[in-house]
Structures are given as structure tokens and as C-alpha cells.
Amino acid sequence: MKVWFSSHFREYTGGQAEVTLEAPTPTLAHLIATLDQHYPGLAFRIVDEQGRLRPHVNLVVDDAFERDLSRALEASSRVGVVAALSGG
């Protein structure tokens, strides 16, 4: 599975824009936990203390936005972790 990060999150991934995970990650919640094992503290930037996706974070699964952390993933899935942009 490939996971890519917008520039906002790269400071927590050692500058990596994309990583490949070999371990099975059946859902987005599992994926976030797995990423946190590789990059401690990253999960806190993605989900809040109750395990809910933070409002300023978007997840993209195979080119579609997704907020349901129970969403099933395939080994071939491509997931993006993106900071929402705002402005006026």
C-alpha cells in the first residue's frame, strides 16, 4: 500500500512524501496506527484524543475523499494524508 503526505505532514515523516507499507492495514484506523509506529506522534496530528479525524485533515483513498476511519483498504490502495487549506 502506498501512502502519500501533503507537505504539512512531511515534518513528521522525516521529510518523506510517500511511503510503502507491506504490513496489512485493513482499515484507515489501522493504517493510522501503523503509521504512528513508524513515525511516533503522527497519529496525533491526524486524529484527536477520541480517535476522530481532525477537522483540518483530509484522507484520500484511491482518488476519493474519505472521513470514515472504518473504511476498508486493499493492499493496492493508495492513501493520501492531506492538510485542508483555508483562507479568504
N, C-alpha and C. Protein backbone atom coordinates (compact mmCIF):
# COMPACT_ATOMS: atom_id res chain seq x y z
N MET A 1 0.84 -1.16 0.00
CA MET A 1 0.00 0.00 0.00
C MET A 1 0.89 1.24 0.00
N LYS A 2 0.51 2.19 -0.81
CA LYS A 2 1.25 3.45 -0.87
C LYS A 2 0.48 4.51 -0.09
N VAL A 3 1.22 5.29 0.68
CA VAL A 3 0.64 6.39 1.45
C VAL A 3 1.45 7.64 1.12
N TRP A 4 0.77 8.68 0.72
CA TRP A 4 1.46 9.94 0.42
C TRP A 4 0.98 11.03 1.36
N PHE A 5 1.84 12.00 1.57
CA PHE A 5 1.61 13.06 2.56
C PHE A 5 1.75 14.43 1.91
N SER A 6 0.82 15.32 2.22
CA SER A 6 1.00 16.71 1.79
C SER A 6 2.16 17.30 2.59
N SER A 7 2.67 18.42 2.14
CA SER A 7 3.88 18.99 2.75
C SER A 7 3.71 19.26 4.24
N HIS A 8 2.51 19.57 4.69
CA HIS A 8 2.27 19.84 6.11
C HIS A 8 2.68 18.67 7.01
N PHE A 9 2.50 17.44 6.55
CA PHE A 9 2.78 16.27 7.37
C PHE A 9 4.20 15.73 7.21
N ARG A 10 4.92 16.22 6.25
CA ARG A 10 6.26 15.68 5.98
C ARG A 10 7.26 15.97 7.10
N GLU A 11 7.01 17.00 7.89
CA GLU A 11 7.92 17.25 9.02
C GLU A 11 7.81 16.14 10.05
N TYR A 12 6.73 15.37 10.02
CA TYR A 12 6.54 14.26 10.97
C TYR A 12 6.94 12.91 10.36
N THR A 13 7.27 12.91 9.06
CA THR A 13 7.66 11.66 8.39
C THR A 13 9.12 11.70 7.97
N GLY A 14 9.89 12.56 8.58
CA GLY A 14 11.29 12.67 8.22
C GLY A 14 11.49 13.20 6.81
N GLY A 15 10.52 13.98 6.33
CA GLY A 15 10.61 14.57 5.00
C GLY A 15 10.10 13.70 3.88
N GLN A 16 9.68 12.50 4.20
CA GLN A 16 9.21 11.59 3.15
C GLN A 16 7.84 12.03 2.63
N ALA A 17 7.72 12.11 1.31
CA ALA A 17 6.46 12.47 0.67
C ALA A 17 5.57 11.25 0.47
N GLU A 18 6.19 10.07 0.36
CA GLU A 18 5.43 8.85 0.12
C GLU A 18 6.14 7.67 0.77
N VAL A 19 5.36 6.76 1.33
CA VAL A 19 5.91 5.54 1.91
C VAL A 19 5.12 4.36 1.38
N THR A 20 5.77 3.21 1.37
CA THR A 20 5.11 1.96 1.00
C THR A 20 5.05 1.08 2.23
N LEU A 21 3.86 0.58 2.55
CA LEU A 21 3.68 -0.30 3.70
C LEU A 21 3.41 -1.71 3.21
N GLU A 22 4.13 -2.66 3.77
CA GLU A 22 3.95 -4.06 3.41
C GLU A 22 2.99 -4.76 4.36
N ALA A 23 2.92 -4.30 5.61
CA ALA A 23 2.06 -4.94 6.61
C ALA A 23 0.59 -4.71 6.25
N PRO A 24 -0.26 -5.69 6.51
CA PRO A 24 -1.68 -5.50 6.22
C PRO A 24 -2.29 -4.41 7.10
N THR A 25 -3.04 -3.54 6.49
CA THR A 25 -3.76 -2.49 7.20
C THR A 25 -5.19 -2.50 6.69
N PRO A 26 -6.07 -3.26 7.35
CA PRO A 26 -7.42 -3.49 6.82
C PRO A 26 -8.34 -2.27 6.79
N THR A 27 -8.07 -1.27 7.62
CA THR A 27 -8.92 -0.07 7.65
C THR A 27 -8.05 1.17 7.77
N LEU A 28 -8.66 2.32 7.55
CA LEU A 28 -7.93 3.57 7.74
C LEU A 28 -7.45 3.73 9.17
N ALA A 29 -8.26 3.31 10.14
CA ALA A 29 -7.83 3.40 11.55
C ALA A 29 -6.57 2.57 11.79
N HIS A 30 -6.54 1.36 11.23
CA HIS A 30 -5.34 0.52 11.36
C HIS A 30 -4.14 1.17 10.66
N LEU A 31 -4.40 1.77 9.52
CA LEU A 31 -3.33 2.43 8.78
C LEU A 31 -2.72 3.55 9.62
N ILE A 32 -3.55 4.36 10.24
CA ILE A 32 -3.04 5.47 11.07
C ILE A 32 -2.22 4.93 12.23
N ALA A 33 -2.68 3.85 12.86
CA ALA A 33 -1.92 3.25 13.96
C ALA A 33 -0.58 2.71 13.47
N THR A 34 -0.57 2.10 12.30
CA THR A 34 0.67 1.57 11.73
C THR A 34 1.63 2.71 11.41
N LEU A 35 1.12 3.78 10.82
CA LEU A 35 1.97 4.93 10.52
C LEU A 35 2.57 5.51 11.79
N ASP A 36 1.79 5.53 12.87
CA ASP A 36 2.29 6.07 14.14
C ASP A 36 3.41 5.21 14.72
N GLN A 37 3.41 3.91 14.43
CA GLN A 37 4.50 3.04 14.87
C GLN A 37 5.79 3.41 14.16
N HIS A 38 5.69 3.78 12.89
CA HIS A 38 6.86 4.17 12.10
C HIS A 38 7.27 5.62 12.36
N TYR A 39 6.28 6.46 12.61
CA TYR A 39 6.51 7.90 12.80
C TYR A 39 5.77 8.34 14.06
N PRO A 40 6.37 8.11 15.24
CA PRO A 40 5.70 8.43 16.50
C PRO A 40 5.20 9.88 16.54
N GLY A 41 3.95 10.02 16.96
CA GLY A 41 3.33 11.33 17.05
C GLY A 41 2.53 11.72 15.83
N LEU A 42 2.69 11.00 14.73
CA LEU A 42 1.96 11.34 13.51
C LEU A 42 0.45 11.16 13.70
N ALA A 43 0.04 10.10 14.37
CA ALA A 43 -1.39 9.84 14.56
C ALA A 43 -2.06 11.02 15.27
N PHE A 44 -1.39 11.61 16.25
CA PHE A 44 -1.97 12.74 16.97
C PHE A 44 -2.22 13.93 16.06
N ARG A 45 -1.47 14.04 14.97
CA ARG A 45 -1.67 15.12 14.00
C ARG A 45 -2.86 14.82 13.08
N ILE A 46 -3.26 13.53 13.02
CA ILE A 46 -4.33 13.11 12.10
C ILE A 46 -5.66 12.94 12.83
N VAL A 47 -5.63 12.33 14.01
CA VAL A 47 -6.86 12.09 14.78
C VAL A 47 -6.75 12.76 16.15
N ASP A 48 -7.93 13.06 16.74
CA ASP A 48 -7.94 13.68 18.06
C ASP A 48 -7.89 12.63 19.16
N GLU A 49 -8.05 13.08 20.40
CA GLU A 49 -7.94 12.19 21.56
C GLU A 49 -9.03 11.11 21.58
N GLN A 50 -10.15 11.37 20.90
CA GLN A 50 -11.23 10.39 20.83
C GLN A 50 -11.11 9.49 19.60
N GLY A 51 -10.04 9.64 18.85
CA GLY A 51 -9.82 8.82 17.67
C GLY A 51 -10.58 9.27 16.45
N ARG A 52 -11.09 10.50 16.46
CA ARG A 52 -11.82 11.05 15.31
C ARG A 52 -10.86 11.86 14.44
N LEU A 53 -11.10 11.79 13.15
CA LEU A 53 -10.30 12.55 12.20
C LEU A 53 -10.40 14.04 12.53
N ARG A 54 -9.26 14.69 12.61
CA ARG A 54 -9.25 16.12 12.91
C ARG A 54 -9.91 16.89 11.75
N PRO A 55 -10.60 17.98 12.07
CA PRO A 55 -11.33 18.73 11.03
C PRO A 55 -10.45 19.27 9.91
N HIS A 56 -9.19 19.57 10.21
CA HIS A 56 -8.31 20.15 9.20
C HIS A 56 -7.54 19.10 8.40
N VAL A 57 -7.90 17.82 8.59
CA VAL A 57 -7.21 16.74 7.88
C VAL A 57 -8.19 16.07 6.92
N ASN A 58 -7.72 15.83 5.71
CA ASN A 58 -8.48 15.06 4.73
C ASN A 58 -7.71 13.80 4.40
N LEU A 59 -8.42 12.71 4.24
CA LEU A 59 -7.82 11.47 3.76
C LEU A 59 -8.37 11.20 2.37
N VAL A 60 -7.50 10.78 1.48
CA VAL A 60 -7.89 10.47 0.11
C VAL A 60 -7.56 9.01 -0.13
N VAL A 61 -8.57 8.22 -0.47
CA VAL A 61 -8.38 6.80 -0.73
C VAL A 61 -8.72 6.54 -2.19
N ASP A 62 -7.72 6.13 -2.95
CA ASP A 62 -7.91 5.85 -4.38
C ASP A 62 -8.67 6.98 -5.07
N ASP A 63 -8.18 8.20 -4.86
CA ASP A 63 -8.68 9.42 -5.51
C ASP A 63 -10.04 9.90 -5.02
N ALA A 64 -10.53 9.41 -3.89
CA ALA A 64 -11.81 9.88 -3.33
C ALA A 64 -11.60 10.28 -1.88
N PHE A 65 -12.16 11.42 -1.49
CA PHE A 65 -12.06 11.85 -0.10
C PHE A 65 -12.82 10.89 0.80
N GLU A 66 -12.25 10.63 1.99
CA GLU A 66 -12.86 9.67 2.93
C GLU A 66 -12.65 10.17 4.35
N ARG A 67 -13.70 10.16 5.16
CA ARG A 67 -13.59 10.55 6.57
C ARG A 67 -13.94 9.40 7.50
N ASP A 68 -14.43 8.30 6.97
CA ASP A 68 -14.82 7.14 7.77
C ASP A 68 -13.58 6.28 8.03
N LEU A 69 -13.10 6.29 9.27
CA LEU A 69 -11.87 5.56 9.60
C LEU A 69 -12.06 4.05 9.60
N SER A 70 -13.30 3.58 9.51
CA SER A 70 -13.54 2.14 9.40
C SER A 70 -13.53 1.68 7.94
N ARG A 71 -13.24 2.60 7.04
CA ARG A 71 -13.21 2.28 5.60
C ARG A 71 -12.19 1.19 5.35
N ALA A 72 -12.63 0.14 4.65
CA ALA A 72 -11.74 -0.98 4.32
C ALA A 72 -10.73 -0.55 3.27
N LEU A 73 -9.52 -1.09 3.39
CA LEU A 73 -8.45 -0.81 2.44
C LEU A 73 -8.00 -2.11 1.78
N GLU A 74 -7.48 -1.99 0.58
CA GLU A 74 -6.90 -3.12 -0.15
C GLU A 74 -5.38 -2.94 -0.17
N ALA A 75 -4.68 -4.02 -0.41
CA ALA A 75 -3.21 -3.93 -0.50
C ALA A 75 -2.78 -2.97 -1.61
N SER A 76 -3.63 -2.83 -2.63
CA SER A 76 -3.31 -1.96 -3.76
C SER A 76 -3.79 -0.52 -3.56
N SER A 77 -4.40 -0.23 -2.41
CA SER A 77 -4.92 1.12 -2.16
C SER A 77 -3.79 2.15 -2.13
N ARG A 78 -4.14 3.35 -2.55
CA ARG A 78 -3.25 4.50 -2.46
C ARG A 78 -3.97 5.52 -1.59
N VAL A 79 -3.32 5.89 -0.49
CA VAL A 79 -3.96 6.76 0.51
C VAL A 79 -3.15 8.05 0.65
N GLY A 80 -3.86 9.16 0.64
CA GLY A 80 -3.22 10.45 0.86
C GLY A 80 -3.64 11.04 2.19
N VAL A 81 -2.70 11.65 2.88
CA VAL A 81 -2.96 12.36 4.13
C VAL A 81 -2.69 13.83 3.82
N VAL A 82 -3.76 14.62 3.84
CA VAL A 82 -3.69 15.98 3.32
C VAL A 82 -4.22 16.97 4.34
N ALA A 83 -3.51 18.06 4.52
CA ALA A 83 -4.00 19.14 5.37
C ALA A 83 -4.98 19.98 4.56
N ALA A 84 -6.16 20.22 5.14
CA ALA A 84 -7.16 21.06 4.48
C ALA A 84 -6.64 22.49 4.43
N LEU A 85 -6.91 23.15 3.35
CA LEU A 85 -6.49 24.54 3.19
C LEU A 85 -7.67 25.45 3.44
N SER A 86 -7.40 26.59 4.01
CA SER A 86 -8.46 27.57 4.22
C SER A 86 -7.90 28.95 3.94
N GLY A 87 -8.77 29.85 3.78
CA GLY A 87 -8.34 31.21 3.52
C GLY A 87 -9.51 32.04 3.05
N GLY A 88 -9.24 33.25 2.74
CA GLY A 88 -10.34 34.11 2.34
C GLY A 88 -9.97 35.00 1.20
